Amino acid sequence: MPRHWTNLFGVVTVASFVVVMMTGIALMFVYTPSSETISYTGAYAPLHGAAVSRAFASTMHITFEVPGGRLLRQAHHWSALMLPASIVVQLVVAFFTGGYRRPRRAMWVLLVLAFLAAVASGWSGYALPDDMLSGTGLRIVEGIVLGIPVVGTWLASALFGGAFPGRIIENLYPLHIVVFPAALVAFLTLRAVAAWRHGPLQFPGQGRAADRVVGALLVPTAAVRAGGLFAVVTGLLMLVSATVTVSPIWLYGPSDPANAGAGSQPDWYTGFLDGALRLVPPGWELQWLGRTWTLAVLAPLAVVGAFFALLTLYPYIEERLTGDRRDHDLLDRPRAAPGRTGVGVAGLLFVGVLWAAGGADILATTFSVSIEHVILTLQAALVVGPVVGFSVARRVALGLQQKDRMLLEHGYETGRILRLPGGEYVEVHRPLDEPERARIALPPASGARRIDARTVDGRKRKDVLVGAGTGERGSVPAGPVSPR
């Protein structure tokens, strides 16, 4: 396994998922997924006599009466926040380094689907405590679904089981504990199988090639290190859960269809969806075929849907545009692909503006500015930001390429000035050593001829070099090796 920090986030994802699953299983035994209204008589005195749902009452029971219940709830919540974050980092790393190209295009698609499953699982669990914050979010969801022409009313009735709030708790519970987790497990498992089949990716360097992996042995070195990182991530999640309060439902109070919480914010991984709704200009609707088409809902759904469609299909789109159908077992430094780097920065800025718009009201109150000015600024940034980001990132990547070419040609500046016999003054440059030259060497153009995996006795095989330059033992192929 190659030694690089980009390989750590798969372990972070697995650790977060395990904590989510274990705490979720424990919570299942004491949580009641029921919308039935009762009078609260639990340990939290300020709510005595309040009309609450059984779901809210059982969540309060877990928080204040079950030993370790608040720790379980908060560990479940914090790990659910960490899980999509680690997947996002994996997506960003794979995109900027070209880790989505053949033969790993399906692995990219599975990672995007895993992120969507994690978001769906988190959203469905967000509503289960049935507090005022989750109720406000559900009311927004109902408005979005109702805004879909033709089928919106039917979809809302099916989701909520009648008029709001209906039986939304009972309908979301099986999705949260079975459907979405099963989908997430399937996507992560299939991706792990594909990763084992295709082998690890690595950055260019001395002794590294498509048929030679430089790093630590999977067993025991890499496996022990992964286990240690798993334990560290789990311990940190439990430490944060024991010391930092999240989702204080006793302060929000029970959900009430007639009220909404002021300043309510969704969890971070759905903030861009809320922001897309907030950035739509007012009055965006039209009459067509005897129906009112609410573009304030349709436009954000279309934009976000198109973004994720492009994200999922990007490996195939890029391959079609560039004509590069080669297998890639070495990663690229971001500067080696200026166009791809520019596209990635543009995409991050696009999502970042939508995410910031999800907290536009908080930005306005925090900085004492008009909410209208905040929205107008973010609307302009949504259009101009990705274009500027693409241009700047591309130019920076090209500049770094030029710097690498100068280093390869002249070496590093030492600051030593030497006077030549003819009276000329020159600066002494330190040439790069071979490992350094191999690390920063630019990849060949996409049209260059590719030398496929080496073969021994007519059979394809992959060499492994362990701990190059570290004094560790390595394995190299015996016998003649010739390129095909």
Protein backbone atom coordinates (compact mmCIF):
# COMPACT_ATOMS: atom_id res chain seq x y z
CA MET A 1 0.00 0.00 0.00
CA PRO A 2 1.41 3.43 -0.93
CA ARG A 3 2.24 5.74 1.97
CA HIS A 4 0.37 8.97 1.40
CA TRP A 5 -2.07 11.02 3.45
CA THR A 6 -4.74 10.73 0.74
CA ASN A 7 -5.12 7.05 1.60
CA LEU A 8 -6.26 7.78 5.16
CA PHE A 9 -9.81 8.93 4.51
CA GLY A 10 -11.11 5.52 3.53
CA VAL A 11 -10.34 4.39 7.07
CA VAL A 12 -12.01 7.54 8.46
CA THR A 13 -15.12 6.71 6.43
CA VAL A 14 -15.24 3.14 7.73
CA ALA A 15 -14.68 4.26 11.34
CA SER A 16 -17.45 6.86 11.12
CA PHE A 17 -19.82 4.33 9.58
CA VAL A 18 -19.10 1.74 12.27
CA VAL A 19 -19.80 4.28 15.04
CA VAL A 20 -23.03 5.31 13.30
CA MET A 21 -24.16 1.70 12.98
CA MET A 22 -23.24 0.58 16.51
CA THR A 23 -24.82 3.59 18.22
CA GLY A 24 -27.85 3.36 15.93
CA ILE A 25 -28.40 -0.30 16.84
CA ALA A 26 -28.21 0.58 20.54
CA LEU A 27 -30.69 3.45 20.13
CA MET A 28 -33.17 1.19 18.33
CA PHE A 29 -33.96 -0.63 21.58
CA VAL A 30 -35.13 2.50 23.42
CA TYR A 31 -36.51 4.74 20.66
CA THR A 32 -40.23 4.71 19.80
CA PRO A 33 -40.98 5.65 16.14
CA SER A 34 -44.54 6.90 16.72
CA SER A 35 -46.31 10.17 15.91
CA GLU A 36 -49.01 9.50 18.52
CA THR A 37 -49.52 12.52 20.79
CA ILE A 38 -49.13 12.09 24.56
CA SER A 39 -48.55 14.31 27.60
CA TYR A 40 -44.90 14.53 28.60
CA THR A 41 -44.14 13.29 32.13
CA GLY A 42 -40.40 12.62 31.88
CA ALA A 43 -37.39 13.86 33.81
CA TYR A 44 -37.16 17.28 32.12
CA ALA A 45 -39.44 19.40 34.35
CA PRO A 46 -39.88 22.50 32.07
CA LEU A 47 -41.84 20.38 29.55
CA HIS A 48 -44.12 18.61 32.03
CA GLY A 49 -47.66 18.49 30.69
CA ALA A 50 -46.68 19.50 27.13
CA ALA A 51 -48.29 17.67 24.23
CA VAL A 52 -45.50 15.73 22.49
CA SER A 53 -45.23 12.76 20.21
CA ARG A 54 -44.07 9.40 21.50
CA ALA A 55 -40.97 9.79 19.30
CA PHE A 56 -40.04 13.05 21.06
CA ALA A 57 -40.82 11.60 24.51
CA SER A 58 -38.65 8.53 23.87
CA THR A 59 -35.78 10.73 22.64
CA MET A 60 -36.04 12.80 25.83
CA HIS A 61 -36.09 9.55 27.81
CA ILE A 62 -32.87 8.46 26.07
CA THR A 63 -31.26 11.84 26.77
CA PHE A 64 -32.10 12.27 30.45
CA GLU A 65 -32.99 8.86 31.86
CA VAL A 66 -31.10 6.12 30.01
CA PRO A 67 -27.55 5.72 31.40
CA GLY A 68 -25.15 6.93 28.72
CA GLY A 69 -28.11 7.82 26.50
CA ARG A 70 -26.97 11.34 25.70
CA LEU A 71 -23.51 10.04 24.79
CA LEU A 72 -25.11 7.51 22.43
CA ARG A 73 -27.27 10.18 20.77
CA GLN A 74 -24.41 12.61 20.36
CA ALA A 75 -21.99 9.96 19.10
CA HIS A 76 -24.61 8.90 16.56
CA HIS A 77 -25.06 12.51 15.45
CA TRP A 78 -21.37 13.49 15.32
CA SER A 79 -20.37 10.36 13.40
CA ALA A 80 -23.25 10.98 10.99
CA LEU A 81 -21.75 14.44 10.39
CA MET A 82 -18.24 13.00 9.94
CA LEU A 83 -19.26 10.26 7.49
CA PRO A 84 -20.27 12.45 4.51
CA ALA A 85 -17.35 14.79 5.23
CA SER A 86 -14.82 11.97 4.82
CA ILE A 87 -16.53 10.83 1.62
CA VAL A 88 -16.39 14.38 0.26
CA VAL A 89 -12.64 14.52 0.91
CA GLN A 90 -12.23 11.21 -0.93
CA LEU A 91 -14.19 12.62 -3.87
CA VAL A 92 -12.08 15.79 -3.94
CA VAL A 93 -8.81 13.84 -3.77
CA ALA A 94 -9.90 11.40 -6.49
CA PHE A 95 -11.01 14.24 -8.75
CA PHE A 96 -7.94 16.45 -8.51
CA THR A 97 -5.52 13.53 -8.85
CA GLY A 98 -7.36 11.76 -11.69
CA GLY A 99 -8.16 8.71 -9.58
CA TYR A 100 -11.50 8.29 -11.37
CA ARG A 101 -10.06 7.35 -14.77
CA ARG A 102 -9.99 3.90 -16.36
CA PRO A 103 -10.13 1.28 -14.99
CA ARG A 104 -11.67 2.89 -11.87
CA ARG A 105 -14.59 4.80 -13.35
CA ALA A 106 -17.13 2.56 -11.62
CA MET A 107 -15.38 3.18 -8.28
CA TRP A 108 -16.00 6.91 -8.74
CA VAL A 109 -19.68 6.32 -9.46
CA LEU A 110 -19.98 4.11 -6.36
CA LEU A 111 -18.33 6.80 -4.21
CA VAL A 112 -20.80 9.46 -5.42
CA LEU A 113 -23.69 7.09 -4.74
CA ALA A 114 -22.26 6.35 -1.27
CA PHE A 115 -22.26 10.09 -0.53
CA LEU A 116 -25.87 10.43 -1.64
CA ALA A 117 -26.84 7.41 0.49
CA ALA A 118 -25.06 8.94 3.51
CA VAL A 119 -26.88 12.26 2.96
CA ALA A 120 -30.23 10.49 2.62
CA SER A 121 -29.57 8.42 5.73
CA GLY A 122 -28.61 11.50 7.73
CA TRP A 123 -31.61 13.48 6.51
CA SER A 124 -34.04 10.72 7.42
CA GLY A 125 -32.55 10.48 10.92
CA TYR A 126 -32.60 14.28 11.32
CA ALA A 127 -36.40 14.18 11.55
CA LEU A 128 -36.80 11.25 13.94
CA PRO A 129 -36.46 13.16 17.28
CA ASP A 130 -39.58 15.14 16.21
CA ASP A 131 -38.37 18.37 17.81
CA MET A 132 -39.06 21.90 16.56
CA LEU A 133 -35.89 22.03 14.44
CA SER A 134 -36.64 18.79 12.60
CA GLY A 135 -40.28 19.80 12.24
CA THR A 136 -39.24 23.04 10.55
CA GLY A 137 -37.07 21.08 8.14
CA LEU A 138 -39.91 18.70 7.36
CA ARG A 139 -42.23 21.60 6.63
CA ILE A 140 -39.68 22.87 4.08
CA VAL A 141 -39.50 19.39 2.53
CA GLU A 142 -43.28 19.30 2.26
CA GLY A 143 -43.30 22.65 0.45
CA ILE A 144 -40.66 21.44 -2.00
CA VAL A 145 -42.53 18.23 -2.76
CA LEU A 146 -45.83 20.06 -3.18
CA GLY A 147 -44.15 22.45 -5.61
CA ILE A 148 -43.45 19.63 -8.08
CA PRO A 149 -46.07 19.88 -10.84
CA VAL A 150 -48.50 17.05 -11.61
CA VAL A 151 -47.20 14.53 -9.07
CA GLY A 152 -46.30 16.80 -6.13
CA THR A 153 -49.53 16.37 -4.20
CA TRP A 154 -49.44 12.60 -4.58
CA LEU A 155 -45.78 12.42 -3.52
CA ALA A 156 -46.41 14.56 -0.43
CA SER A 157 -49.37 12.41 0.57
CA ALA A 158 -47.33 9.23 0.11
CA LEU A 159 -44.35 10.60 2.07
CA PHE A 160 -46.26 12.08 4.99
CA GLY A 161 -49.16 9.64 5.01
CA GLY A 162 -51.78 12.40 4.76
CA ALA A 163 -51.88 16.02 5.87
CA PHE A 164 -48.73 17.38 7.53
CA PRO A 165 -47.25 16.03 9.75
CA GLY A 166 -49.16 12.80 9.13
CA ARG A 167 -47.17 9.65 9.83
CA ILE A 168 -43.81 10.94 8.69
CA ILE A 169 -41.96 9.40 11.66
CA GLU A 170 -43.33 5.93 10.91
CA ASN A 171 -42.53 6.33 7.20
CA LEU A 172 -38.96 7.62 7.65
CA TYR A 173 -37.93 5.11 10.33
CA PRO A 174 -37.58 2.03 8.06
CA LEU A 175 -35.78 4.16 5.48
CA HIS A 176 -33.33 5.35 8.10
CA ILE A 177 -32.54 2.00 9.71
CA VAL A 178 -32.79 -0.37 6.72
CA VAL A 179 -33.01 1.07 3.20
CA PHE A 180 -30.39 3.84 3.21
CA PRO A 181 -27.83 2.02 5.43
CA ALA A 182 -28.16 -1.10 3.27
CA ALA A 183 -27.54 0.98 0.15
CA LEU A 184 -24.50 2.60 1.80
CA VAL A 185 -23.08 -0.78 2.83
CA ALA A 186 -23.61 -2.11 -0.70
CA PHE A 187 -21.87 0.85 -2.35
CA LEU A 188 -18.90 0.81 0.03
CA THR A 189 -18.52 -2.97 -0.24
CA LEU A 190 -18.61 -2.94 -4.04
CA ARG A 191 -16.07 -0.13 -4.07
CA ALA A 192 -13.77 -2.07 -1.73
CA VAL A 193 -14.01 -5.14 -3.97
CA ALA A 194 -13.18 -3.02 -7.03
CA ALA A 195 -10.24 -1.41 -5.22
CA TRP A 196 -8.85 -4.86 -4.33
CA ARG A 197 -9.27 -5.99 -7.91
CA HIS A 198 -7.55 -3.01 -9.54
CA GLY A 199 -4.89 -2.49 -6.89
CA PRO A 200 -3.81 0.70 -5.12
CA LEU A 201 -3.15 4.02 -6.82
CA GLN A 202 0.05 5.94 -6.19
CA PHE A 203 1.74 9.17 -7.20
CA PRO A 204 4.70 9.12 -9.60
CA GLY A 205 8.11 8.64 -8.05
CA GLN A 206 11.34 6.72 -8.26
CA GLY A 207 10.71 3.05 -8.89
CA ARG A 208 6.97 3.56 -9.23
CA ALA A 209 5.12 2.48 -12.33
CA ALA A 210 1.83 0.97 -13.39
CA ASP A 211 3.25 -2.46 -12.63
CA ARG A 212 5.21 -1.57 -9.49
CA VAL A 213 3.78 -0.33 -6.18
CA VAL A 214 6.08 1.36 -3.65
CA GLY A 215 4.97 1.41 -0.04
CA ALA A 216 4.29 -0.80 2.96
CA LEU A 217 3.11 -4.39 2.90
CA LEU A 218 -0.64 -4.69 3.33
CA VAL A 219 -0.17 -7.31 6.05
CA PRO A 220 0.93 -6.59 8.67
CA THR A 221 2.24 -3.02 8.35
CA ALA A 222 -0.54 -1.22 6.45
CA ALA A 223 -3.28 -3.21 8.20
CA VAL A 224 -1.93 -2.36 11.67
CA ARG A 225 -1.64 1.31 10.76
CA ALA A 226 -5.20 1.31 9.44
CA GLY A 227 -6.37 -0.31 12.67
CA GLY A 228 -4.59 2.34 14.69
CA LEU A 229 -6.16 5.13 12.67
CA PHE A 230 -9.56 3.45 13.08
CA ALA A 231 -9.10 3.46 16.86
CA VAL A 232 -7.96 7.10 16.88
CA VAL A 233 -10.95 8.27 14.82
CA THR A 234 -13.37 6.28 16.99
CA GLY A 235 -11.82 7.66 20.18
CA LEU A 236 -11.96 11.25 18.92
CA LEU A 237 -15.60 10.85 17.92
CA MET A 238 -16.46 9.57 21.38
CA LEU A 239 -14.42 12.36 23.02
CA VAL A 240 -16.23 15.05 21.02
CA SER A 241 -19.56 13.37 21.74
CA ALA A 242 -18.84 13.40 25.47
CA THR A 243 -17.83 17.07 25.59
CA VAL A 244 -19.69 18.97 22.83
CA THR A 245 -23.48 19.19 22.82
CA VAL A 246 -25.29 18.66 19.54
CA SER A 247 -29.03 18.59 18.82
CA PRO A 248 -30.27 19.87 22.24
CA ILE A 249 -33.91 18.98 21.59
CA TRP A 250 -34.94 19.97 25.14
CA LEU A 251 -34.18 23.57 24.17
CA TYR A 252 -35.98 23.36 20.83
CA GLY A 253 -39.11 21.79 22.25
CA PRO A 254 -41.50 19.38 20.51
CA SER A 255 -42.46 19.78 16.87
CA ASP A 256 -45.54 21.93 16.27
CA PRO A 257 -47.10 22.19 12.78
CA ALA A 258 -48.26 25.74 13.56
CA ASN A 259 -44.79 27.08 14.47
CA ALA A 260 -41.26 27.17 13.10
CA GLY A 261 -37.96 27.73 14.86
CA ALA A 262 -36.23 31.06 14.18
CA GLY A 263 -32.71 30.80 12.75
CA SER A 264 -33.08 27.08 12.10
CA GLN A 265 -30.26 25.54 10.08
CA PRO A 266 -29.96 22.09 8.49
CA ASP A 267 -27.02 19.78 9.05
CA TRP A 268 -24.00 20.87 7.03
CA TYR A 269 -24.30 18.21 4.32
CA THR A 270 -27.76 19.46 3.23
CA GLY A 271 -26.93 23.17 3.53
CA PHE A 272 -26.35 23.51 -0.22
CA LEU A 273 -29.90 22.28 -0.90
CA ASP A 274 -31.36 24.93 1.39
CA GLY A 275 -29.09 27.54 -0.19
CA ALA A 276 -30.26 26.66 -3.69
CA LEU A 277 -33.84 27.46 -2.63
CA ARG A 278 -32.84 30.77 -1.06
CA LEU A 279 -30.99 32.08 -4.12
CA VAL A 280 -33.95 31.81 -6.51
CA PRO A 281 -35.26 35.31 -7.39
CA PRO A 282 -38.84 36.01 -6.21
CA GLY A 283 -41.76 35.61 -8.56
CA TRP A 284 -40.28 32.77 -10.62
CA GLU A 285 -43.39 30.92 -11.78
CA LEU A 286 -45.41 30.55 -14.96
CA GLN A 287 -48.75 29.24 -16.18
CA TRP A 288 -48.58 26.35 -18.65
CA LEU A 289 -51.04 23.60 -19.59
CA GLY A 290 -53.49 24.93 -17.06
CA ARG A 291 -51.06 24.51 -14.17
CA THR A 292 -48.77 26.77 -12.18
CA TRP A 293 -45.13 25.79 -12.58
CA THR A 294 -43.19 27.06 -9.56
CA LEU A 295 -39.66 27.69 -10.80
CA ALA A 296 -38.66 28.68 -7.28
CA VAL A 297 -38.73 24.94 -6.58
CA LEU A 298 -38.12 23.42 -10.01
CA ALA A 299 -35.04 25.52 -10.82
CA PRO A 300 -33.08 24.52 -7.67
CA LEU A 301 -34.07 20.88 -8.11
CA ALA A 302 -32.98 20.98 -11.75
CA VAL A 303 -29.66 22.72 -10.98
CA VAL A 304 -28.73 20.42 -8.09
CA GLY A 305 -29.86 17.35 -10.04
CA ALA A 306 -27.80 18.39 -13.08
CA PHE A 307 -24.76 19.01 -10.87
CA PHE A 308 -24.86 15.52 -9.36
CA ALA A 309 -25.54 13.96 -12.76
CA LEU A 310 -22.45 15.69 -14.18
CA LEU A 311 -20.45 14.71 -11.10
CA THR A 312 -21.42 11.06 -11.45
CA LEU A 313 -20.78 10.88 -15.19
CA TYR A 314 -17.67 13.09 -15.24
CA PRO A 315 -15.18 10.22 -15.87
CA TYR A 316 -17.12 9.20 -18.96
CA ILE A 317 -17.57 12.79 -20.15
CA GLU A 318 -13.87 13.57 -19.78
CA GLU A 319 -12.88 10.38 -21.55
CA ARG A 320 -15.18 11.24 -24.43
CA LEU A 321 -13.86 14.80 -24.72
CA THR A 322 -10.15 13.94 -24.44
CA GLY A 323 -10.20 10.60 -26.26
CA ASP A 324 -7.97 9.17 -23.51
CA ARG A 325 -9.04 5.52 -23.12
CA ARG A 326 -5.86 4.26 -21.50
CA ASP A 327 -5.69 2.57 -18.11
CA HIS A 328 -4.20 4.85 -15.44
CA ASP A 329 -2.53 3.29 -12.40
CA LEU A 330 -0.55 6.41 -11.46
CA LEU A 331 -2.13 9.55 -10.07
CA ASP A 332 -1.56 13.06 -11.36
CA ARG A 333 -0.43 16.03 -9.35
CA PRO A 334 -3.18 18.65 -9.69
CA ARG A 335 -0.84 21.00 -11.54
CA ALA A 336 -0.28 18.34 -14.21
CA ALA A 337 -3.91 18.71 -15.41
CA PRO A 338 -4.72 22.46 -15.41
CA GLY A 339 -8.11 22.02 -17.08
CA ARG A 340 -9.29 19.39 -14.62
CA THR A 341 -7.98 21.44 -11.68
CA GLY A 342 -9.87 24.48 -12.93
CA VAL A 343 -13.08 22.47 -13.28
CA GLY A 344 -12.66 21.09 -9.77
CA VAL A 345 -12.15 24.52 -8.22
CA ALA A 346 -15.15 25.86 -10.15
CA GLY A 347 -17.31 23.02 -8.83
CA LEU A 348 -16.16 23.56 -5.26
CA LEU A 349 -16.92 27.28 -5.49
CA PHE A 350 -20.37 26.53 -6.94
CA VAL A 351 -21.27 24.21 -4.06
CA GLY A 352 -19.59 26.52 -1.55
CA VAL A 353 -21.74 29.48 -2.58
CA LEU A 354 -24.90 27.37 -2.32
CA TRP A 355 -23.75 26.16 1.09
CA ALA A 356 -23.09 29.72 2.28
CA ALA A 357 -26.53 30.76 1.03
CA GLY A 358 -28.04 28.16 3.36
CA GLY A 359 -26.91 30.41 6.24
CA ALA A 360 -27.66 33.73 4.58
CA ASP A 361 -29.82 34.87 7.50
CA ILE A 362 -27.06 34.01 9.98
CA LEU A 363 -24.53 35.92 7.84
CA ALA A 364 -26.85 38.93 7.76
CA THR A 365 -27.40 39.04 11.52
CA THR A 366 -23.76 38.25 12.36
CA PHE A 367 -22.32 41.05 10.19
CA SER A 368 -25.30 43.43 10.62
CA VAL A 369 -26.05 43.71 6.90
CA SER A 370 -29.25 43.48 4.93
CA ILE A 371 -30.42 39.98 4.04
CA GLU A 372 -31.25 41.28 0.56
CA HIS A 373 -27.65 42.41 0.06
CA VAL A 374 -26.34 39.03 1.22
CA ILE A 375 -28.62 37.18 -1.21
CA LEU A 376 -27.73 39.51 -4.09
CA THR A 377 -24.01 39.07 -3.44
CA LEU A 378 -24.33 35.30 -3.32
CA GLN A 379 -26.42 35.27 -6.52
CA ALA A 380 -23.64 37.15 -8.31
CA ALA A 381 -20.99 34.89 -6.78
CA LEU A 382 -22.88 31.79 -7.96
CA VAL A 383 -22.55 32.97 -11.56
CA VAL A 384 -19.16 34.71 -11.54
CA GLY A 385 -17.32 32.69 -8.88
CA PRO A 386 -16.94 29.40 -10.79
CA VAL A 387 -15.74 31.23 -13.93
CA VAL A 388 -13.13 33.21 -12.01
CA GLY A 389 -12.14 30.14 -10.00
CA PHE A 390 -11.60 28.08 -13.15
CA SER A 391 -9.43 30.75 -14.75
CA VAL A 392 -7.32 31.44 -11.66
CA ALA A 393 -6.80 27.75 -10.81
CA ARG A 394 -5.84 26.92 -14.38
CA ARG A 395 -3.32 29.77 -14.55
CA VAL A 396 -1.83 28.78 -11.19
CA ALA A 397 -1.45 25.17 -12.35
CA LEU A 398 0.24 26.29 -15.56
CA GLY A 399 2.58 28.53 -13.55
CA LEU A 400 3.50 25.63 -11.27
CA GLN A 401 4.18 23.48 -14.33
CA GLN A 402 6.58 26.14 -15.61
CA LYS A 403 8.29 26.22 -12.22
CA ASP A 404 8.73 22.43 -12.31
CA ARG A 405 10.22 22.61 -15.79
CA MET A 406 12.76 25.19 -14.59
CA LEU A 407 13.64 23.02 -11.60
CA LEU A 408 14.15 19.99 -13.82
CA GLU A 409 16.34 22.00 -16.15
CA HIS A 410 18.32 24.20 -13.74
CA GLY A 411 17.78 22.82 -10.24
CA TYR A 412 17.22 24.79 -7.03
CA GLU A 413 18.65 28.26 -6.45
CA THR A 414 21.27 28.17 -3.69
CA GLY A 415 21.94 31.90 -3.23
CA ARG A 416 25.67 31.35 -3.90
CA ILE A 417 27.12 33.80 -6.43
CA LEU A 418 30.13 32.62 -8.45
CA ARG A 419 32.42 34.83 -10.50
CA LEU A 420 33.57 33.25 -13.74
CA PRO A 421 37.09 33.81 -15.16
CA GLY A 422 35.62 36.20 -17.73
CA GLY A 423 34.20 38.43 -14.99
CA GLU A 424 30.60 37.21 -15.28
CA TYR A 425 28.64 36.54 -12.11
CA VAL A 426 26.30 33.54 -12.00
CA GLU A 427 24.25 31.86 -9.30
CA VAL A 428 25.06 28.27 -8.43
CA HIS A 429 22.09 25.89 -8.75
CA ARG A 430 21.76 22.60 -6.92
CA PRO A 431 20.59 19.87 -9.31
CA LEU A 432 17.70 17.65 -8.35
CA ASP A 433 18.43 14.10 -7.27
CA GLU A 434 16.77 11.21 -9.07
CA PRO A 435 13.90 10.63 -6.57
CA GLU A 436 13.03 14.32 -6.73
CA ARG A 437 13.13 14.39 -10.52
CA ALA A 438 10.88 11.34 -10.68
CA ARG A 439 8.42 12.92 -8.24
CA ILE A 440 7.92 16.20 -10.08
CA ALA A 441 8.37 14.96 -13.65
CA LEU A 442 5.36 15.95 -15.75
CA PRO A 443 3.34 13.06 -17.24
CA PRO A 444 3.44 12.46 -21.01
CA ALA A 445 0.76 13.93 -23.22
CA SER A 446 -2.47 11.97 -23.54
CA GLY A 447 -1.59 10.97 -27.08
CA ALA A 448 1.74 9.40 -26.13
CA ARG A 449 2.25 5.69 -26.70
CA ARG A 450 1.52 3.60 -23.63
CA ILE A 451 3.66 0.67 -22.47
CA ASP A 452 1.28 -1.80 -20.87
CA ALA A 453 1.89 -3.92 -17.79
CA ARG A 454 4.98 -6.05 -17.98
CA THR A 455 4.76 -9.76 -18.56
CA VAL A 456 6.82 -12.64 -17.34
CA ASP A 457 6.63 -15.81 -19.43
CA GLY A 458 3.67 -14.34 -21.31
CA ARG A 459 1.61 -13.69 -18.17
CA LYS A 460 0.81 -10.23 -16.81
CA ARG A 461 2.17 -9.64 -13.33
CA LYS A 462 2.66 -6.72 -10.98
CA ASP A 463 5.89 -6.05 -9.08
CA VAL A 464 5.91 -4.72 -5.55
CA LEU A 465 8.70 -2.61 -4.06
CA VAL A 466 8.34 -2.21 -0.30
CA GLY A 467 9.74 0.77 1.60
CA ALA A 468 11.93 2.13 -1.19
CA GLY A 469 14.62 4.34 0.25
CA THR A 470 13.75 3.37 3.84
CA GLY A 471 15.95 0.36 4.30
CA GLU A 472 13.04 -2.08 4.28
CA ARG A 473 13.16 -5.27 2.32
CA GLY A 474 11.49 -5.32 -1.05
CA SER A 475 10.43 -7.94 -3.57
CA VAL A 476 11.41 -7.69 -7.20
CA PRO A 477 10.63 -10.09 -10.03
CA ALA A 478 13.06 -12.84 -10.80
CA GLY A 479 13.98 -13.68 -14.34
CA PRO A 480 13.80 -11.60 -17.50
CA VAL A 481 11.18 -8.85 -17.73
CA SER A 482 10.37 -7.36 -21.10
CA PRO A 483 7.83 -4.70 -22.14
CA ARG A 484 4.88 -5.81 -24.22
